[in-house]
Amino acid sequence: MTDELSAVFSALADPTRRAILARLTEGPATVGDLAEPFALSLPTVSRHIAALEKAGLVRKSRRGQERVVELESARLRDAEEWIAEYRRFFESRFDALAQQLGRSRPGDPKENTDV
């Protein structure tokens, strides 16, 4: 799973790829449609899509002459679960630190206002 996560995080590190994924949340799109908002060549956008496909984040298929790209959510779910484990760990550490300091966490309605 670590290698799969590395591929996912590597793919997500690029803002163009994140924008492509954001567009795909609206539904499947052709490669041409995905390339439209970018000042990039079609081959460059195709390479971004290939990186997303290799990471398991999208699936490409043929519809007649067109290549259609769809979002694949399973790997993204795996990454979210991995992040959630560390979120729980760090939140518990922050809670313990707040207790140690004798005050509540920032944003808590019972926050110590004595300064």
N, C-alpha and C. Protein backbone atom coordinates (compact mmCIF):
# COMPACT_ATOMS: atom_id res chain seq x y z
N MET A 1 0.83 -1.20 0.00
CA MET A 1 0.00 0.00 0.00
C MET A 1 0.87 1.25 0.00
N THR A 2 2.05 1.20 0.60
CA THR A 2 2.92 2.37 0.65
C THR A 2 3.28 2.85 -0.74
N ASP A 3 3.64 1.93 -1.64
CA ASP A 3 3.99 2.33 -3.01
C ASP A 3 2.80 2.96 -3.71
N GLU A 4 1.60 2.43 -3.48
CA GLU A 4 0.40 3.01 -4.06
C GLU A 4 0.17 4.41 -3.52
N LEU A 5 0.36 4.58 -2.21
CA LEU A 5 0.21 5.90 -1.62
C LEU A 5 1.24 6.88 -2.16
N SER A 6 2.45 6.42 -2.36
CA SER A 6 3.49 7.29 -2.92
C SER A 6 3.08 7.78 -4.30
N ALA A 7 2.53 6.88 -5.10
CA ALA A 7 2.08 7.27 -6.44
C ALA A 7 0.93 8.27 -6.36
N VAL A 8 0.02 8.06 -5.43
CA VAL A 8 -1.11 8.99 -5.27
C VAL A 8 -0.61 10.36 -4.84
N PHE A 9 0.22 10.41 -3.81
CA PHE A 9 0.70 11.71 -3.33
C PHE A 9 1.59 12.40 -4.36
N SER A 10 2.35 11.63 -5.10
CA SER A 10 3.16 12.20 -6.17
C SER A 10 2.27 12.83 -7.24
N ALA A 11 1.22 12.13 -7.61
CA ALA A 11 0.29 12.66 -8.62
C ALA A 11 -0.42 13.91 -8.10
N LEU A 12 -0.79 13.90 -6.82
CA LEU A 12 -1.51 15.04 -6.23
C LEU A 12 -0.61 16.24 -5.98
N ALA A 13 0.70 16.05 -6.07
CA ALA A 13 1.62 17.16 -5.80
C ALA A 13 1.58 18.23 -6.88
N ASP A 14 1.06 17.90 -8.04
CA ASP A 14 1.04 18.85 -9.15
C ASP A 14 -0.32 19.57 -9.22
N PRO A 15 -0.30 20.92 -9.26
CA PRO A 15 -1.57 21.67 -9.28
C PRO A 15 -2.42 21.42 -10.52
N THR A 16 -1.79 21.15 -11.66
CA THR A 16 -2.57 20.85 -12.87
C THR A 16 -3.33 19.55 -12.69
N ARG A 17 -2.69 18.56 -12.10
CA ARG A 17 -3.37 17.28 -11.87
C ARG A 17 -4.50 17.43 -10.87
N ARG A 18 -4.29 18.25 -9.84
CA ARG A 18 -5.37 18.48 -8.88
C ARG A 18 -6.53 19.18 -9.55
N ALA A 19 -6.25 20.11 -10.46
CA ALA A 19 -7.32 20.80 -11.19
C ALA A 19 -8.07 19.83 -12.10
N ILE A 20 -7.36 18.91 -12.71
CA ILE A 20 -8.01 17.89 -13.55
C ILE A 20 -8.94 17.03 -12.69
N LEU A 21 -8.46 16.61 -11.52
CA LEU A 21 -9.30 15.82 -10.62
C LEU A 21 -10.53 16.61 -10.18
N ALA A 22 -10.33 17.89 -9.88
CA ALA A 22 -11.46 18.73 -9.47
C ALA A 22 -12.51 18.79 -10.58
N ARG A 23 -12.06 18.93 -11.81
CA ARG A 23 -12.99 18.96 -12.94
C ARG A 23 -13.74 17.64 -13.06
N LEU A 24 -13.05 16.53 -12.82
CA LEU A 24 -13.66 15.21 -12.96
C LEU A 24 -14.69 14.91 -11.87
N THR A 25 -14.71 15.69 -10.80
CA THR A 25 -15.76 15.50 -9.78
C THR A 25 -17.13 15.87 -10.35
N GLU A 26 -17.14 16.63 -11.45
CA GLU A 26 -18.39 16.99 -12.12
C GLU A 26 -18.88 15.89 -13.05
N GLY A 27 -18.02 14.92 -13.35
CA GLY A 27 -18.38 13.82 -14.23
C GLY A 27 -17.29 13.57 -15.25
N PRO A 28 -17.43 12.50 -16.02
CA PRO A 28 -16.43 12.15 -17.03
C PRO A 28 -16.24 13.29 -18.04
N ALA A 29 -15.04 13.34 -18.62
CA ALA A 29 -14.73 14.39 -19.61
C ALA A 29 -13.75 13.82 -20.63
N THR A 30 -13.77 14.39 -21.80
CA THR A 30 -12.80 13.99 -22.82
C THR A 30 -11.46 14.64 -22.49
N VAL A 31 -10.42 14.09 -23.07
CA VAL A 31 -9.08 14.66 -22.88
C VAL A 31 -9.08 16.11 -23.37
N GLY A 32 -9.72 16.36 -24.50
CA GLY A 32 -9.80 17.72 -25.04
C GLY A 32 -10.50 18.68 -24.09
N ASP A 33 -11.60 18.23 -23.48
CA ASP A 33 -12.31 19.06 -22.51
C ASP A 33 -11.42 19.37 -21.30
N LEU A 34 -10.68 18.37 -20.86
CA LEU A 34 -9.80 18.57 -19.70
C LEU A 34 -8.66 19.52 -20.03
N ALA A 35 -8.20 19.52 -21.29
CA ALA A 35 -7.08 20.37 -21.70
C ALA A 35 -7.50 21.82 -21.89
N GLU A 36 -8.77 22.03 -22.17
CA GLU A 36 -9.28 23.36 -22.54
C GLU A 36 -8.87 24.51 -21.62
N PRO A 37 -9.01 24.39 -20.29
CA PRO A 37 -8.71 25.56 -19.45
C PRO A 37 -7.22 25.83 -19.24
N PHE A 38 -6.36 24.97 -19.74
CA PHE A 38 -4.93 25.12 -19.50
C PHE A 38 -4.21 25.66 -20.72
N ALA A 39 -3.17 26.41 -20.48
CA ALA A 39 -2.32 26.91 -21.56
C ALA A 39 -1.20 25.89 -21.79
N LEU A 40 -1.62 24.65 -22.00
CA LEU A 40 -0.69 23.54 -22.20
C LEU A 40 -1.07 22.81 -23.48
N SER A 41 -0.10 22.17 -24.08
CA SER A 41 -0.38 21.37 -25.28
C SER A 41 -1.17 20.13 -24.88
N LEU A 42 -1.87 19.57 -25.84
CA LEU A 42 -2.63 18.34 -25.60
C LEU A 42 -1.73 17.19 -25.15
N PRO A 43 -0.52 17.03 -25.74
CA PRO A 43 0.37 15.97 -25.25
C PRO A 43 0.80 16.17 -23.79
N THR A 44 0.97 17.42 -23.37
CA THR A 44 1.35 17.69 -21.98
C THR A 44 0.21 17.31 -21.04
N VAL A 45 -1.01 17.68 -21.40
CA VAL A 45 -2.17 17.32 -20.58
C VAL A 45 -2.34 15.81 -20.57
N SER A 46 -2.09 15.17 -21.69
CA SER A 46 -2.17 13.70 -21.75
C SER A 46 -1.16 13.05 -20.80
N ARG A 47 0.02 13.65 -20.67
CA ARG A 47 1.02 13.11 -19.73
C ARG A 47 0.53 13.27 -18.28
N HIS A 48 -0.13 14.40 -17.98
CA HIS A 48 -0.69 14.58 -16.64
C HIS A 48 -1.77 13.53 -16.38
N ILE A 49 -2.61 13.29 -17.36
CA ILE A 49 -3.66 12.28 -17.22
C ILE A 49 -3.03 10.89 -17.05
N ALA A 50 -1.97 10.61 -17.78
CA ALA A 50 -1.28 9.32 -17.65
C ALA A 50 -0.72 9.14 -16.24
N ALA A 51 -0.20 10.21 -15.65
CA ALA A 51 0.32 10.12 -14.28
C ALA A 51 -0.82 9.84 -13.30
N LEU A 52 -1.97 10.48 -13.52
CA LEU A 52 -3.14 10.23 -12.66
C LEU A 52 -3.65 8.80 -12.85
N GLU A 53 -3.60 8.33 -14.07
CA GLU A 53 -4.04 6.96 -14.36
C GLU A 53 -3.09 5.94 -13.72
N LYS A 54 -1.80 6.19 -13.81
CA LYS A 54 -0.81 5.30 -13.20
C LYS A 54 -0.99 5.23 -11.68
N ALA A 55 -1.39 6.35 -11.08
CA ALA A 55 -1.62 6.39 -9.63
C ALA A 55 -2.96 5.77 -9.25
N GLY A 56 -3.76 5.43 -10.25
CA GLY A 56 -5.06 4.81 -9.97
C GLY A 56 -6.15 5.81 -9.63
N LEU A 57 -5.93 7.08 -9.94
CA LEU A 57 -6.90 8.11 -9.60
C LEU A 57 -7.93 8.36 -10.70
N VAL A 58 -7.59 7.99 -11.92
CA VAL A 58 -8.53 8.13 -13.03
C VAL A 58 -8.49 6.88 -13.90
N ARG A 59 -9.51 6.75 -14.73
CA ARG A 59 -9.59 5.65 -15.69
C ARG A 59 -9.90 6.26 -17.05
N LYS A 60 -9.18 5.83 -18.06
CA LYS A 60 -9.38 6.33 -19.41
C LYS A 60 -10.03 5.23 -20.25
N SER A 61 -11.01 5.62 -21.06
CA SER A 61 -11.66 4.66 -21.95
C SER A 61 -11.93 5.35 -23.29
N ARG A 62 -12.35 4.57 -24.25
CA ARG A 62 -12.65 5.09 -25.58
C ARG A 62 -14.14 5.17 -25.78
N ARG A 63 -14.57 6.27 -26.34
CA ARG A 63 -15.96 6.42 -26.77
C ARG A 63 -15.90 6.90 -28.21
N GLY A 64 -16.00 5.98 -29.13
CA GLY A 64 -15.83 6.33 -30.53
C GLY A 64 -14.40 6.79 -30.77
N GLN A 65 -14.24 8.00 -31.29
CA GLN A 65 -12.93 8.58 -31.56
C GLN A 65 -12.32 9.25 -30.33
N GLU A 66 -13.14 9.48 -29.30
CA GLU A 66 -12.69 10.26 -28.14
C GLU A 66 -12.16 9.38 -27.02
N ARG A 67 -11.24 9.94 -26.28
CA ARG A 67 -10.75 9.33 -25.04
C ARG A 67 -11.48 10.01 -23.90
N VAL A 68 -12.17 9.23 -23.09
CA VAL A 68 -12.93 9.76 -21.97
C VAL A 68 -12.23 9.39 -20.67
N VAL A 69 -12.15 10.36 -19.77
CA VAL A 69 -11.47 10.17 -18.49
C VAL A 69 -12.51 10.25 -17.38
N GLU A 70 -12.43 9.30 -16.44
CA GLU A 70 -13.34 9.27 -15.29
C GLU A 70 -12.54 9.19 -14.01
N LEU A 71 -13.10 9.74 -12.96
CA LEU A 71 -12.48 9.70 -11.64
C LEU A 71 -12.61 8.30 -11.05
N GLU A 72 -11.54 7.82 -10.45
CA GLU A 72 -11.52 6.56 -9.71
C GLU A 72 -11.27 6.93 -8.25
N SER A 73 -12.23 6.71 -7.39
CA SER A 73 -12.12 7.23 -6.03
C SER A 73 -11.46 6.29 -5.02
N ALA A 74 -11.26 5.03 -5.35
CA ALA A 74 -10.74 4.06 -4.37
C ALA A 74 -9.37 4.46 -3.83
N ARG A 75 -8.45 4.82 -4.69
CA ARG A 75 -7.10 5.19 -4.22
C ARG A 75 -7.13 6.48 -3.42
N LEU A 76 -8.00 7.40 -3.81
CA LEU A 76 -8.12 8.64 -3.05
C LEU A 76 -8.67 8.34 -1.66
N ARG A 77 -9.59 7.39 -1.59
CA ARG A 77 -10.13 6.97 -0.29
C ARG A 77 -9.03 6.35 0.57
N ASP A 78 -8.16 5.55 -0.05
CA ASP A 78 -7.03 4.95 0.69
C ASP A 78 -6.13 6.04 1.26
N ALA A 79 -5.85 7.07 0.46
CA ALA A 79 -5.00 8.18 0.92
C ALA A 79 -5.68 8.93 2.06
N GLU A 80 -6.98 9.13 1.94
CA GLU A 80 -7.72 9.83 3.00
C GLU A 80 -7.69 9.05 4.30
N GLU A 81 -7.82 7.74 4.21
CA GLU A 81 -7.75 6.89 5.41
C GLU A 81 -6.37 6.97 6.05
N TRP A 82 -5.33 7.00 5.24
CA TRP A 82 -3.96 7.11 5.76
C TRP A 82 -3.79 8.45 6.48
N ILE A 83 -4.28 9.52 5.85
CA ILE A 83 -4.19 10.84 6.46
C ILE A 83 -5.00 10.89 7.76
N ALA A 84 -6.18 10.27 7.76
CA ALA A 84 -7.05 10.28 8.94
C ALA A 84 -6.36 9.64 10.14
N GLU A 85 -5.60 8.57 9.91
CA GLU A 85 -4.87 7.94 11.02
C GLU A 85 -3.91 8.93 11.66
N TYR A 86 -3.18 9.66 10.84
CA TYR A 86 -2.22 10.63 11.38
C TYR A 86 -2.92 11.84 11.96
N ARG A 87 -4.06 12.21 11.41
CA ARG A 87 -4.83 13.31 11.98
C ARG A 87 -5.24 12.96 13.40
N ARG A 88 -5.75 11.74 13.60
CA ARG A 88 -6.15 11.31 14.95
C ARG A 88 -4.96 11.33 15.89
N PHE A 89 -3.82 10.84 15.41
CA PHE A 89 -2.61 10.82 16.24
C PHE A 89 -2.22 12.24 16.66
N PHE A 90 -2.13 13.15 15.70
CA PHE A 90 -1.70 14.51 16.03
C PHE A 90 -2.73 15.25 16.86
N GLU A 91 -4.01 15.03 16.61
CA GLU A 91 -5.03 15.67 17.44
C GLU A 91 -4.93 15.20 18.87
N SER A 92 -4.66 13.92 19.09
CA SER A 92 -4.51 13.43 20.46
C SER A 92 -3.28 14.05 21.11
N ARG A 93 -2.22 14.23 20.33
CA ARG A 93 -1.01 14.87 20.86
C ARG A 93 -1.28 16.33 21.23
N PHE A 94 -2.04 17.03 20.38
CA PHE A 94 -2.38 18.42 20.67
C PHE A 94 -3.27 18.51 21.90
N ASP A 95 -4.20 17.55 22.04
CA ASP A 95 -5.06 17.52 23.24
C ASP A 95 -4.22 17.30 24.49
N ALA A 96 -3.26 16.38 24.41
CA ALA A 96 -2.39 16.11 25.56
C ALA A 96 -1.54 17.34 25.88
N LEU A 97 -1.06 18.03 24.87
CA LEU A 97 -0.28 19.24 25.09
C LEU A 97 -1.14 20.32 25.75
N ALA A 98 -2.36 20.47 25.26
CA ALA A 98 -3.26 21.46 25.85
C ALA A 98 -3.53 21.14 27.31
N GLN A 99 -3.72 19.86 27.63
CA GLN A 99 -3.93 19.47 29.03
C GLN A 99 -2.69 19.78 29.86
N GLN A 100 -1.54 19.49 29.29
CA GLN A 100 -0.28 19.75 29.99
C GLN A 100 -0.12 21.24 30.27
N LEU A 101 -0.54 22.05 29.35
CA LEU A 101 -0.42 23.50 29.53
C LEU A 101 -1.54 24.05 30.40
N GLY A 102 -2.53 23.21 30.71
CA GLY A 102 -3.58 23.63 31.62
C GLY A 102 -4.66 24.49 30.98
N ARG A 103 -4.79 24.40 29.69
CA ARG A 103 -5.86 25.14 29.03
C ARG A 103 -6.41 24.32 27.87
N SER A 104 -7.53 24.73 27.36
CA SER A 104 -8.17 23.98 26.29
C SER A 104 -7.57 24.32 24.93
N ARG A 105 -7.96 23.55 23.94
CA ARG A 105 -7.47 23.76 22.57
C ARG A 105 -8.02 25.07 22.00
N PRO A 106 -7.25 25.73 21.12
CA PRO A 106 -7.75 26.94 20.46
C PRO A 106 -9.04 26.66 19.72
N GLY A 107 -9.96 27.60 19.79
CA GLY A 107 -11.24 27.43 19.12
C GLY A 107 -12.27 26.74 19.98
N ASP A 108 -11.85 26.19 21.11
CA ASP A 108 -12.78 25.53 22.03
C ASP A 108 -13.55 26.62 22.77
N PRO A 109 -14.87 26.48 22.89
CA PRO A 109 -15.67 27.50 23.58
C PRO A 109 -15.21 27.75 25.02
N LYS A 110 -14.56 26.75 25.63
CA LYS A 110 -14.10 26.89 27.01
C LYS A 110 -12.67 27.38 27.07
N GLU A 111 -12.20 27.96 25.99
CA GLU A 111 -10.81 28.40 25.90
C GLU A 111 -10.48 29.38 27.03
N ASN A 112 -9.32 29.21 27.62
CA ASN A 112 -8.87 30.07 28.70
C ASN A 112 -8.58 31.46 28.12
N THR A 113 -9.29 32.47 28.59
CA THR A 113 -9.13 33.82 28.05
C THR A 113 -8.23 34.68 28.93
N ASP A 114 -7.70 34.13 30.02
CA ASP A 114 -6.79 34.89 30.87
C ASP A 114 -5.47 35.07 30.15
N VAL A 115 -5.04 36.30 29.99
CA VAL A 115 -3.78 36.54 29.30
C VAL A 115 -2.85 37.29 30.19
